Protein backbone atom coordinates (compact mmCIF):
# COMPACT_ATOMS: atom_id res chain seq x y z
CA MET A 1 -98.00 -144.54 58.17
CA ARG A 2 -96.30 -141.16 58.25
CA LYS A 3 -95.59 -141.87 54.41
CA LEU A 4 -99.08 -141.91 53.76
CA VAL A 5 -99.58 -138.19 55.07
CA LEU A 6 -98.06 -136.65 51.95
CA PRO A 7 -100.44 -137.87 49.37
CA LEU A 8 -103.50 -137.14 51.52
CA VAL A 9 -102.49 -133.92 52.19
CA VAL A 10 -101.23 -133.16 48.51
CA LEU A 11 -104.64 -134.75 47.32
CA VAL A 12 -106.91 -132.52 48.81
CA PHE A 13 -105.01 -129.32 49.86
CA CYS A 14 -102.84 -128.61 47.21
CA VAL A 15 -102.00 -124.86 46.54
CA ILE A 16 -101.09 -124.28 43.49
CA PRO A 17 -103.57 -126.86 41.45
CA VAL A 18 -102.50 -129.78 41.17
CA LEU A 19 -103.05 -132.89 39.80
CA ALA A 20 -104.47 -130.99 37.37
CA GLY A 21 -105.02 -131.41 33.34
CA ALA A 22 -105.46 -134.19 31.00
CA TYR A 23 -101.92 -135.59 29.94
CA TRP A 24 -100.76 -133.61 26.44
CA SER A 25 -97.13 -134.55 25.20
CA THR A 26 -95.69 -131.54 23.92
CA ASP A 27 -93.12 -133.40 21.56
CA THR A 28 -94.02 -132.62 17.98
CA SER A 29 -90.94 -134.51 16.45
CA GLU A 30 -93.16 -137.41 15.06
CA THR A 31 -95.26 -134.98 13.31
CA ALA A 32 -94.11 -132.48 10.65
CA HIS A 33 -96.16 -129.75 9.94
CA ASP A 34 -93.93 -127.68 7.71
CA GLN A 35 -96.72 -127.39 4.78
CA LEU A 36 -99.28 -126.46 7.01
CA GLU A 37 -102.61 -124.48 5.44
CA PRO A 38 -102.39 -120.94 7.49
CA ARG A 39 -104.70 -121.66 10.58
CA PRO A 40 -107.05 -118.89 11.84
CA HIS A 41 -105.90 -118.95 15.16
CA VAL A 42 -103.00 -117.60 17.19
CA PRO A 43 -101.19 -120.48 18.82
CA VAL A 44 -101.82 -120.89 22.13
CA VAL A 45 -99.16 -122.34 24.84
CA ILE A 46 -101.11 -123.84 28.08
CA VAL A 47 -98.52 -123.09 30.91
CA PRO A 48 -99.73 -125.22 34.12
CA GLY A 49 -99.09 -124.24 37.89
CA ILE A 50 -96.85 -126.12 40.23
CA LEU A 51 -97.31 -129.76 40.45
CA GLY A 52 -99.22 -129.56 37.24
CA SER A 53 -96.62 -131.31 34.96
CA MET A 54 -95.76 -135.33 35.02
CA LEU A 55 -92.40 -135.90 35.95
CA VAL A 56 -90.26 -139.44 35.17
CA ASP A 57 -86.73 -140.31 36.42
CA ALA A 58 -84.65 -140.96 33.21
CA SER A 59 -81.59 -142.00 35.17
CA THR A 60 -81.88 -145.93 34.72
CA GLY A 61 -82.31 -145.77 31.08
CA ARG A 62 -86.28 -145.82 31.01
CA ASP A 63 -88.76 -143.06 32.21
CA ARG A 64 -89.95 -144.39 35.37
CA LEU A 65 -93.28 -142.43 36.60
CA LEU A 66 -92.55 -139.94 39.74
CA TRP A 67 -95.68 -137.77 39.53
CA PRO A 68 -98.41 -138.88 39.32
CA GLY A 69 -96.86 -142.35 40.78
CA THR A 70 -94.67 -143.37 43.45
CA VAL A 71 -94.23 -139.64 45.02
CA MET A 72 -97.75 -139.42 45.17
CA LEU A 73 -98.25 -142.67 47.04
CA GLY A 74 -95.79 -141.55 49.72
CA ALA A 75 -93.04 -143.97 48.80
CA ASP A 76 -89.58 -143.39 47.29
CA ILE A 77 -89.78 -139.50 47.47
CA ASP A 78 -85.80 -139.13 47.22
CA PRO A 79 -86.04 -138.36 43.11
CA LEU A 80 -87.88 -134.76 43.85
CA ARG A 81 -85.03 -134.07 46.74
CA LEU A 82 -82.69 -131.01 45.41
CA PRO A 83 -79.54 -129.83 46.73
CA PRO A 84 -79.43 -126.96 49.37
CA THR A 85 -78.47 -124.78 46.31
CA GLY A 86 -82.10 -125.76 44.38
CA LYS A 87 -79.71 -126.26 41.35
CA GLY A 88 -78.65 -129.85 39.94
CA ASN A 89 -79.98 -133.09 40.91
CA LEU A 90 -78.84 -135.54 43.37
CA GLY A 91 -78.27 -138.71 41.12
CA PHE A 92 -81.59 -138.54 39.60
CA ASP A 93 -82.43 -137.41 36.24
CA VAL A 94 -85.83 -135.71 36.53
CA ARG A 95 -88.03 -134.53 33.33
CA ALA A 96 -91.49 -133.15 32.81
CA THR A 97 -92.97 -134.96 30.17
CA GLY A 98 -96.65 -133.61 30.04
CA LEU A 99 -99.35 -132.07 31.79
CA MET A 100 -101.09 -134.06 34.52
CA GLY A 101 -103.81 -136.16 33.36
CA PHE A 102 -106.91 -138.19 35.10
CA ALA A 103 -105.83 -140.97 33.32
CA GLU A 104 -102.31 -141.05 34.61
CA ALA A 105 -103.60 -140.09 38.42
CA VAL A 106 -106.09 -143.58 37.91
CA SER A 107 -103.00 -145.43 37.00
CA ALA A 108 -100.87 -144.50 40.05
CA LEU A 109 -103.95 -145.00 41.80
CA GLU A 110 -104.22 -148.60 40.44
CA ALA A 111 -100.52 -148.93 41.10
CA PHE A 112 -100.92 -148.42 44.70
CA GLU A 113 -103.86 -151.05 45.39
CA ARG A 114 -101.55 -153.28 43.62
CA SER A 115 -98.39 -152.01 46.20
CA PRO A 116 -97.83 -153.82 49.34
CA ILE A 117 -98.50 -150.19 51.12
CA ALA A 118 -102.13 -150.60 50.21
CA ARG A 119 -102.20 -153.58 52.61
CA PHE A 120 -101.07 -151.62 55.51
CA THR A 121 -103.59 -148.50 54.35
CA PRO A 122 -106.90 -148.38 56.76
CA GLY A 123 -109.60 -149.21 55.11
CA TRP A 124 -111.81 -146.01 54.89
CA LEU A 125 -108.55 -144.82 53.56
CA ARG A 126 -108.06 -147.16 50.77
CA GLU A 127 -111.66 -146.39 49.65
CA TRP A 128 -111.29 -142.24 50.18
CA ILE A 129 -108.34 -141.61 47.96
CA PRO A 130 -109.68 -143.14 44.94
CA ASP A 131 -112.76 -141.02 45.14
CA THR A 132 -111.01 -137.66 45.94
CA VAL A 133 -108.70 -137.97 43.12
CA ARG A 134 -111.34 -138.80 40.93
CA SER A 135 -113.36 -135.42 41.91
CA LEU A 136 -110.28 -133.01 41.66
CA SER A 137 -110.14 -130.32 38.19
CA TYR A 138 -107.68 -131.35 35.13
CA TYR A 139 -106.39 -129.53 32.54
CA GLY A 140 -108.28 -131.76 30.06
CA GLY A 141 -111.17 -129.20 30.41
CA ILE A 142 -109.49 -126.31 29.11
CA ILE A 143 -107.57 -128.32 26.44
CA ALA A 144 -111.34 -129.45 25.05
CA ALA A 145 -112.79 -126.07 25.18
CA PHE A 146 -110.20 -125.02 22.75
CA GLN A 147 -110.42 -127.91 20.91
CA SER A 148 -114.16 -127.21 20.48
CA ALA A 149 -113.74 -124.09 19.21
CA GLY A 150 -111.64 -125.55 16.58
CA TYR A 151 -107.54 -125.37 17.68
CA ILE A 152 -105.81 -128.44 16.87
CA PRO A 153 -103.24 -130.06 19.07
CA ASP A 154 -99.49 -129.62 18.22
CA VAL A 155 -100.95 -127.07 15.20
CA ASP A 156 -102.07 -124.22 17.13
CA LEU A 157 -102.81 -125.99 20.36
CA PHE A 158 -99.69 -126.54 22.49
CA THR A 159 -98.53 -127.18 26.30
CA PHE A 160 -95.28 -126.48 28.36
CA PRO A 161 -94.75 -129.12 31.03
CA TYR A 162 -92.00 -128.40 32.96
CA ASP A 163 -90.28 -129.30 36.43
CA TRP A 164 -92.19 -127.27 38.63
CA ARG A 165 -89.64 -127.59 41.62
CA ARG A 166 -86.57 -125.31 39.59
CA ASP A 167 -86.24 -121.62 39.67
CA LEU A 168 -88.64 -119.96 37.50
CA LEU A 169 -85.92 -117.94 35.86
CA ASP A 170 -84.45 -121.06 34.46
CA ILE A 171 -87.54 -121.94 33.38
CA SER A 172 -88.38 -119.35 31.53
CA ILE A 173 -85.38 -119.44 29.37
CA LEU A 174 -86.76 -122.85 28.32
CA LEU A 175 -90.50 -121.19 27.72
CA ALA A 176 -88.50 -118.84 25.50
CA SER A 177 -87.48 -121.80 23.58
CA LYS A 178 -90.65 -123.40 23.35
CA ILE A 179 -92.12 -120.39 21.75
CA ALA A 180 -89.74 -120.06 19.27
CA ASP A 181 -89.79 -123.66 18.29
CA ILE A 182 -93.77 -122.83 17.77
CA LEU A 183 -93.37 -119.93 15.92
CA ASP A 184 -91.00 -121.67 13.59
CA GLN A 185 -92.91 -124.49 13.02
CA THR A 186 -96.30 -122.47 12.57
CA GLY A 187 -94.79 -119.58 10.92
CA ALA A 188 -96.85 -117.23 13.20
CA GLU A 189 -95.51 -113.81 14.36
CA ALA A 190 -96.75 -114.27 18.12
CA VAL A 191 -98.74 -116.63 20.23
CA ASP A 192 -101.21 -116.38 23.00
CA ILE A 193 -100.14 -117.89 26.34
CA VAL A 194 -102.94 -119.61 29.22
CA ALA A 195 -101.22 -119.88 32.32
CA HIS A 196 -102.64 -121.01 35.45
CA SER A 197 -101.52 -120.24 38.84
CA MET A 198 -97.27 -120.63 39.27
CA GLY A 199 -97.47 -120.50 35.43
CA GLY A 200 -98.69 -117.17 35.50
CA LEU A 201 -95.52 -116.32 37.27
CA LEU A 202 -93.69 -118.22 35.00
CA ALA A 203 -94.84 -116.10 32.30
CA ARG A 204 -94.24 -113.17 33.65
CA ALA A 205 -90.73 -113.70 34.41
CA TYR A 206 -90.33 -114.93 30.81
CA VAL A 207 -92.02 -111.63 29.56
CA ASN A 208 -90.28 -108.99 31.88
CA THR A 209 -86.81 -110.55 31.37
CA ALA A 210 -86.98 -111.68 27.34
CA ASP A 211 -86.41 -108.79 24.54
CA ASN A 212 -89.52 -108.13 22.76
CA PRO A 213 -91.44 -111.22 23.78
CA PRO A 214 -93.30 -112.33 20.52
CA ILE A 215 -96.69 -112.52 22.89
CA ARG A 216 -99.82 -110.93 21.78
CA ARG A 217 -101.93 -112.18 24.81
CA LEU A 218 -101.39 -113.40 27.93
CA ILE A 219 -104.02 -115.06 30.13
CA MET A 220 -103.34 -115.64 34.20
CA MET A 221 -105.56 -117.68 35.81
CA GLY A 222 -105.61 -117.64 39.53
CA THR A 223 -102.43 -116.44 39.31
CA PRO A 224 -100.29 -115.41 43.11
CA SER A 225 -98.98 -112.42 41.34
CA HIS A 226 -98.20 -111.15 44.81
CA GLY A 227 -97.85 -114.57 46.48
CA SER A 228 -100.22 -116.55 48.71
CA PRO A 229 -99.63 -117.48 51.99
CA ASP A 230 -99.84 -121.65 51.32
CA SER A 231 -96.15 -121.48 50.79
CA PHE A 232 -95.38 -119.88 54.11
CA VAL A 233 -97.04 -122.72 55.44
CA ALA A 234 -95.47 -125.06 53.15
CA LEU A 235 -92.01 -124.04 54.72
CA HIS A 236 -92.66 -123.34 57.78
CA SER A 237 -91.74 -126.32 60.39
CA GLU A 238 -94.29 -125.73 62.93
CA LEU A 239 -97.12 -125.95 60.45
CA GLY A 240 -96.14 -129.27 59.10
CA ASN A 241 -99.44 -130.54 59.52
CA GLY A 242 -101.50 -127.82 58.12
CA LYS A 243 -104.14 -127.75 56.20
CA LEU A 244 -102.16 -125.94 52.73
CA LEU A 245 -99.67 -127.04 50.00
CA LEU A 246 -97.48 -129.64 50.80
CA GLY A 247 -98.10 -129.77 54.61
CA ASP A 248 -96.57 -132.92 55.59
CA LYS A 249 -92.97 -132.78 57.45
CA ASN A 250 -91.48 -134.87 54.16
CA ALA A 251 -93.10 -132.47 51.95
CA GLN A 252 -91.52 -129.79 53.67
CA GLU A 253 -88.18 -131.00 53.73
CA LEU A 254 -88.47 -131.36 50.06
CA SER A 255 -89.62 -127.69 49.67
CA THR A 256 -87.35 -126.28 51.49
CA ASN A 257 -84.65 -126.59 48.91
CA TRP A 258 -87.26 -126.12 45.71
CA PRO A 259 -86.71 -122.38 44.55
CA SER A 260 -90.14 -122.24 43.17
CA VAL A 261 -91.85 -122.68 46.39
CA PHE A 262 -89.56 -119.80 47.86
CA GLN A 263 -90.58 -117.48 44.51
CA LEU A 264 -94.30 -118.27 45.62
CA LEU A 265 -93.88 -116.59 49.11
CA PRO A 266 -95.92 -113.33 49.54
CA THR A 267 -94.12 -110.35 48.62
CA ARG A 268 -93.79 -106.67 49.62
CA GLU A 269 -97.05 -105.85 47.83
CA TYR A 270 -99.00 -108.49 49.51
CA PHE A 271 -98.01 -107.19 52.64
CA GLU A 272 -98.90 -103.50 51.49
CA LEU A 273 -102.29 -105.39 50.43
CA TYR A 274 -103.23 -107.12 53.54
CA GLY A 275 -101.23 -105.80 56.15
CA TYR A 276 -99.44 -108.74 57.26
CA ILE A 277 -98.97 -112.58 56.91
CA PHE A 278 -97.62 -113.81 59.98
CA ASP A 279 -98.68 -112.15 63.48
CA ASP A 280 -96.81 -113.33 66.54
CA GLN A 281 -99.40 -112.28 69.09
CA PHE A 282 -96.87 -113.45 72.06
CA GLY A 283 -93.85 -112.26 70.67
CA GLU A 284 -91.35 -109.92 72.45
CA ASN A 285 -93.24 -107.18 74.65
CA HIS A 286 -96.43 -108.75 72.78
CA GLU A 287 -95.74 -106.25 69.71
CA GLY A 288 -96.09 -109.48 67.32
CA VAL A 289 -93.23 -110.08 64.65
CA LEU A 290 -95.10 -108.38 62.23
CA THR A 291 -97.52 -105.54 63.01
CA GLY A 292 -99.20 -102.81 61.18
CA SER A 293 -100.25 -102.58 57.62
CA GLY A 294 -97.09 -102.11 55.28
CA GLY A 295 -94.54 -99.54 55.40
CA ASP A 296 -90.35 -100.09 55.78
CA ALA A 297 -90.56 -100.93 59.14
CA THR A 298 -92.96 -104.03 59.11
CA TRP A 299 -91.50 -105.16 55.83
CA HIS A 300 -87.97 -105.15 57.25
CA ARG A 301 -89.09 -107.37 60.00
CA THR A 302 -90.25 -110.00 57.63
CA TYR A 303 -88.68 -113.03 56.27
CA LEU A 304 -87.75 -111.70 52.88
CA GLU A 305 -85.46 -109.21 54.59
CA ASN A 306 -84.69 -110.22 58.13
CA PRO A 307 -82.99 -113.44 58.37
CA ASP A 308 -83.72 -113.70 62.07
CA SER A 309 -87.58 -113.83 61.06
CA SER A 310 -90.51 -116.78 61.62
CA LEU A 311 -88.58 -118.62 58.50
CA ALA A 312 -85.29 -118.71 59.84
CA GLU A 313 -85.19 -122.33 60.08
CA VAL A 314 -85.33 -122.87 56.33
CA ASN A 315 -82.92 -122.40 53.44
CA GLU A 316 -81.54 -119.00 53.71
CA TYR A 317 -79.69 -119.29 50.63
CA LEU A 318 -82.94 -119.61 48.52
CA LEU A 319 -84.74 -117.19 50.48
CA THR A 320 -82.43 -113.87 50.19
CA THR A 321 -79.15 -115.03 49.24
CA ALA A 322 -78.89 -116.89 45.91
CA GLU A 323 -78.98 -114.51 43.20
CA PRO A 324 -80.44 -113.61 41.00
CA TYR A 325 -83.25 -116.46 41.73
CA SER A 326 -84.06 -116.21 45.53
CA ALA A 327 -87.50 -115.59 46.52
CA ARG A 328 -86.07 -111.58 46.85
CA ALA A 329 -84.47 -111.07 43.95
CA PHE A 330 -86.71 -112.98 41.87
CA HIS A 331 -89.56 -110.66 42.73
CA GLU A 332 -87.10 -107.79 42.15
CA ARG A 333 -86.23 -109.05 38.62
CA ILE A 334 -89.44 -109.55 37.15
CA GLY A 335 -90.82 -106.18 38.90
CA THR A 336 -94.32 -105.46 39.87
CA THR A 337 -95.60 -104.01 36.60
CA LEU A 338 -96.03 -106.65 33.35
CA GLN A 339 -93.33 -104.75 30.74
CA PHE A 340 -94.87 -105.82 27.26
CA ALA A 341 -97.40 -103.93 24.97
CA GLY A 342 -99.88 -106.93 24.37
CA GLU A 343 -103.31 -107.34 26.18
CA LEU A 344 -103.18 -109.22 29.59
CA VAL A 345 -106.26 -110.90 31.22
CA ILE A 346 -106.64 -111.94 34.40
CA ILE A 347 -109.13 -114.72 35.61
CA ALA A 348 -109.57 -114.33 39.49
CA GLY A 349 -111.81 -116.43 41.45
CA SER A 350 -113.67 -114.90 44.17
CA GLY A 351 -116.45 -115.91 46.90
CA THR A 352 -114.45 -118.60 48.67
CA SER A 353 -112.86 -117.90 52.16
CA THR A 354 -109.57 -117.98 51.73
CA VAL A 355 -106.03 -117.78 54.24
CA GLY A 356 -104.95 -113.78 54.12
CA THR A 357 -103.46 -113.70 57.63
CA ILE A 358 -101.98 -116.39 59.95
CA VAL A 359 -101.79 -115.99 63.12
CA LYS A 360 -99.41 -117.07 65.82
CA ALA A 361 -101.81 -116.72 68.91
CA ASP A 362 -99.90 -119.12 71.58
CA SER A 363 -96.37 -119.48 71.55
CA ALA A 364 -96.36 -122.06 74.32
CA GLU A 365 -99.06 -124.28 72.75
CA SER A 366 -97.68 -123.38 69.35
CA THR A 367 -101.25 -122.63 68.24
CA TRP A 368 -101.69 -121.14 64.39
CA TYR A 369 -105.18 -119.30 63.25
CA TYR A 370 -105.93 -118.09 59.90
CA VAL A 371 -107.63 -114.82 59.17
CA PRO A 372 -109.89 -115.61 55.83
CA THR A 373 -109.97 -113.09 52.77
CA ASN A 374 -112.09 -113.46 49.67
CA GLY A 375 -109.82 -115.32 47.09
CA ASP A 376 -110.43 -118.81 45.09
CA GLY A 377 -109.74 -120.84 48.30
CA THR A 378 -106.05 -120.72 47.53
CA VAL A 379 -104.93 -117.46 46.19
CA PRO A 380 -106.25 -114.14 48.12
CA LEU A 381 -108.14 -112.13 45.58
CA LEU A 382 -105.90 -108.94 45.62
CA SER A 383 -102.81 -111.27 44.74
CA VAL A 384 -104.09 -112.08 41.90
CA THR A 385 -105.91 -109.04 40.13
CA ARG A 386 -103.53 -106.14 41.54
CA LEU A 387 -100.91 -106.49 38.61
CA GLU A 388 -100.02 -103.42 36.62
CA SER A 389 -98.80 -103.64 32.93
CA SER A 390 -97.58 -101.55 30.36
CA GLY A 391 -100.50 -102.91 27.79
CA PRO A 392 -104.06 -103.14 28.19
CA ILE A 393 -105.65 -105.03 31.15
CA SER A 394 -109.06 -107.25 31.23
CA ILE A 395 -109.86 -108.72 34.78
CA TYR A 396 -112.88 -111.06 34.79
CA HIS A 397 -114.19 -113.13 38.43
CA THR A 398 -115.65 -116.34 38.32
CA THR A 399 -117.01 -118.25 41.30
CA ALA A 400 -114.97 -121.25 40.55
CA SER A 401 -112.10 -122.19 42.97
CA HIS A 402 -108.39 -122.17 41.93
CA GLU A 403 -108.71 -125.95 40.85
CA GLY A 404 -112.26 -125.75 39.83
CA MET A 405 -111.81 -122.73 37.26
CA LEU A 406 -109.55 -125.55 35.28
CA SER A 407 -112.75 -127.68 34.47
CA ASP A 408 -115.47 -124.60 34.84
CA ALA A 409 -118.16 -124.94 31.67
CA ALA A 410 -117.89 -120.98 31.85
CA VAL A 411 -114.46 -120.29 32.26
CA GLY A 412 -113.68 -122.98 29.30
CA HIS A 413 -116.35 -121.11 27.01
CA LEU A 414 -114.56 -117.64 27.99
CA LEU A 415 -110.74 -118.75 27.03
CA PRO A 416 -110.96 -119.02 23.13
CA THR A 417 -113.62 -116.58 22.94
CA LEU A 418 -111.43 -114.11 24.77
CA LEU A 419 -108.56 -114.69 22.16
CA ASN A 420 -110.78 -114.36 19.37
CA GLU A 421 -111.25 -110.89 19.03
CA ASP A 422 -114.91 -110.93 19.29
CA ALA A 423 -116.29 -108.50 21.64
CA SER A 424 -120.06 -109.25 21.06
CA ALA A 425 -119.15 -112.97 21.84
CA VAL A 426 -117.44 -112.30 25.49
CA SER A 427 -120.48 -110.04 26.37
CA ALA A 428 -122.67 -113.00 25.21
CA VAL A 429 -120.54 -115.49 27.44
CA LEU A 430 -120.91 -113.08 30.52
CA ASP A 431 -124.56 -112.55 29.90
CA GLY A 432 -125.31 -116.38 29.79
CA ASN A 433 -123.37 -117.31 33.03
CA HIS A 434 -124.10 -115.75 36.41
CA THR A 435 -120.77 -117.25 37.58
CA LEU A 436 -118.92 -114.64 35.66
CA ARG A 437 -118.29 -111.06 35.87
CA GLN A 438 -116.17 -108.36 34.38
CA GLU A 439 -114.18 -105.95 36.55
CA VAL A 440 -114.64 -102.18 34.98
CA SER A 441 -111.92 -99.78 35.29
CA ILE A 442 -112.83 -96.42 36.78
CA SER A 443 -110.81 -93.29 36.84
CA ASP A 444 -109.79 -93.36 40.59
CA GLY A 445 -109.10 -96.81 40.97
CA ARG A 446 -111.01 -100.59 39.72
CA GLU A 447 -114.41 -101.07 40.45
CA ASP A 448 -114.80 -104.14 42.61
CA GLU A 449 -117.23 -106.57 40.67
CA ALA A 450 -115.51 -109.57 42.98
CA PHE A 451 -118.00 -112.40 44.17
CA THR A 452 -118.25 -111.50 47.82
CA VAL A 453 -117.93 -114.21 50.58
CA SER A 454 -117.94 -113.66 54.79
CA THR A 455 -114.33 -113.61 56.05
CA SER A 456 -114.79 -112.43 59.70
CA VAL A 457 -113.95 -115.50 61.48
CA ALA A 458 -110.91 -116.82 62.16
CA SER A 459 -110.05 -120.66 61.86
CA PRO A 460 -107.75 -122.87 63.58
CA LEU A 461 -104.54 -124.21 61.13
CA ARG A 462 -103.38 -126.32 63.94
């Protein structure tokens, strides 16, 4: 039964959008586009978030579907394990083959229903899992929106599936190669990137480590630029049954060797925005592990600076030691300002109660609470919106959730409109959808056009 907890938690509460996307192969080897007529659009590359790409194991000579598949069903999780260094494999050849798709998720569920595991699964759970999968969001909405706007797959509409367990700096090299191939294939001088959740961090890593990246516009949707508390919960041993990303104990064991989860941890900027992520009210002298709001003294006591902190049980190598891809080194490397002259567009979910602060209220009973803040249900609002860039920035707020923005009709309408440089069309989309607002820049800061939410009540995590 323990193995069934993993799919249950992942299906419902995954942080960084998950089971998203209509499957879309990125292999263009079978179709030649060398003699294409000029296209009216700059090529678009869709970059998914964590858990958003299909993974297969090719070590046996055939592509055995892992995600979604046997791993999603709580069985055969070994292929997703990584060595403590976060590099290499443990006897498996795991590859990303496409974006997560509704059809593939349903296929995995059908395989589950035929498997021996199903016989030992409670009836209510067997009925509940399929309904839950069918209610989730998928990247198919985004792809359909671009196709409706005249984009053609593998002509000026591309996707970038990747192994979401890995170091984002390593993956950014693969993204650079993919973009170079697209430019060579299409003859375009630049591409637009639409990145969701952790995919936005990947795009940032690419932009800030490449020489003159050929990016015209970068759209980041729900990207935790300063991290998300969900990754803290995923890694913390006492929160294994929490309601957040990969909260199951098996998943905690897996993710402790996944560099990407460490790179999603709240950063120093997060502490400056929200005060703290973890406060032990029964710490030494009742001072708490983290107190106050920002400052070097507070920051020094966090998991990214102090090996004796509250995450000391997990992989310290990936937390602070590994160069250049430990959590601390990664954020130092990509910086806090996007270094490119193109336009940055941020789409942030607001109006949904989101974990902002985590409190350990009783050390004896290990009672954990979260203090909510405004956000998209997964990433706090300011972690998405408070990013600087050397080029122009536009920020839009949506009432859609972190996963929901992938299939939200208003967001889907806005995306291709933003890329086609028609200000009046963008205004028309905003005027026609009460679920969208644009954040307006003013001289002494940003005028907050976020949708509001009541965030005053703390709720138990465990």
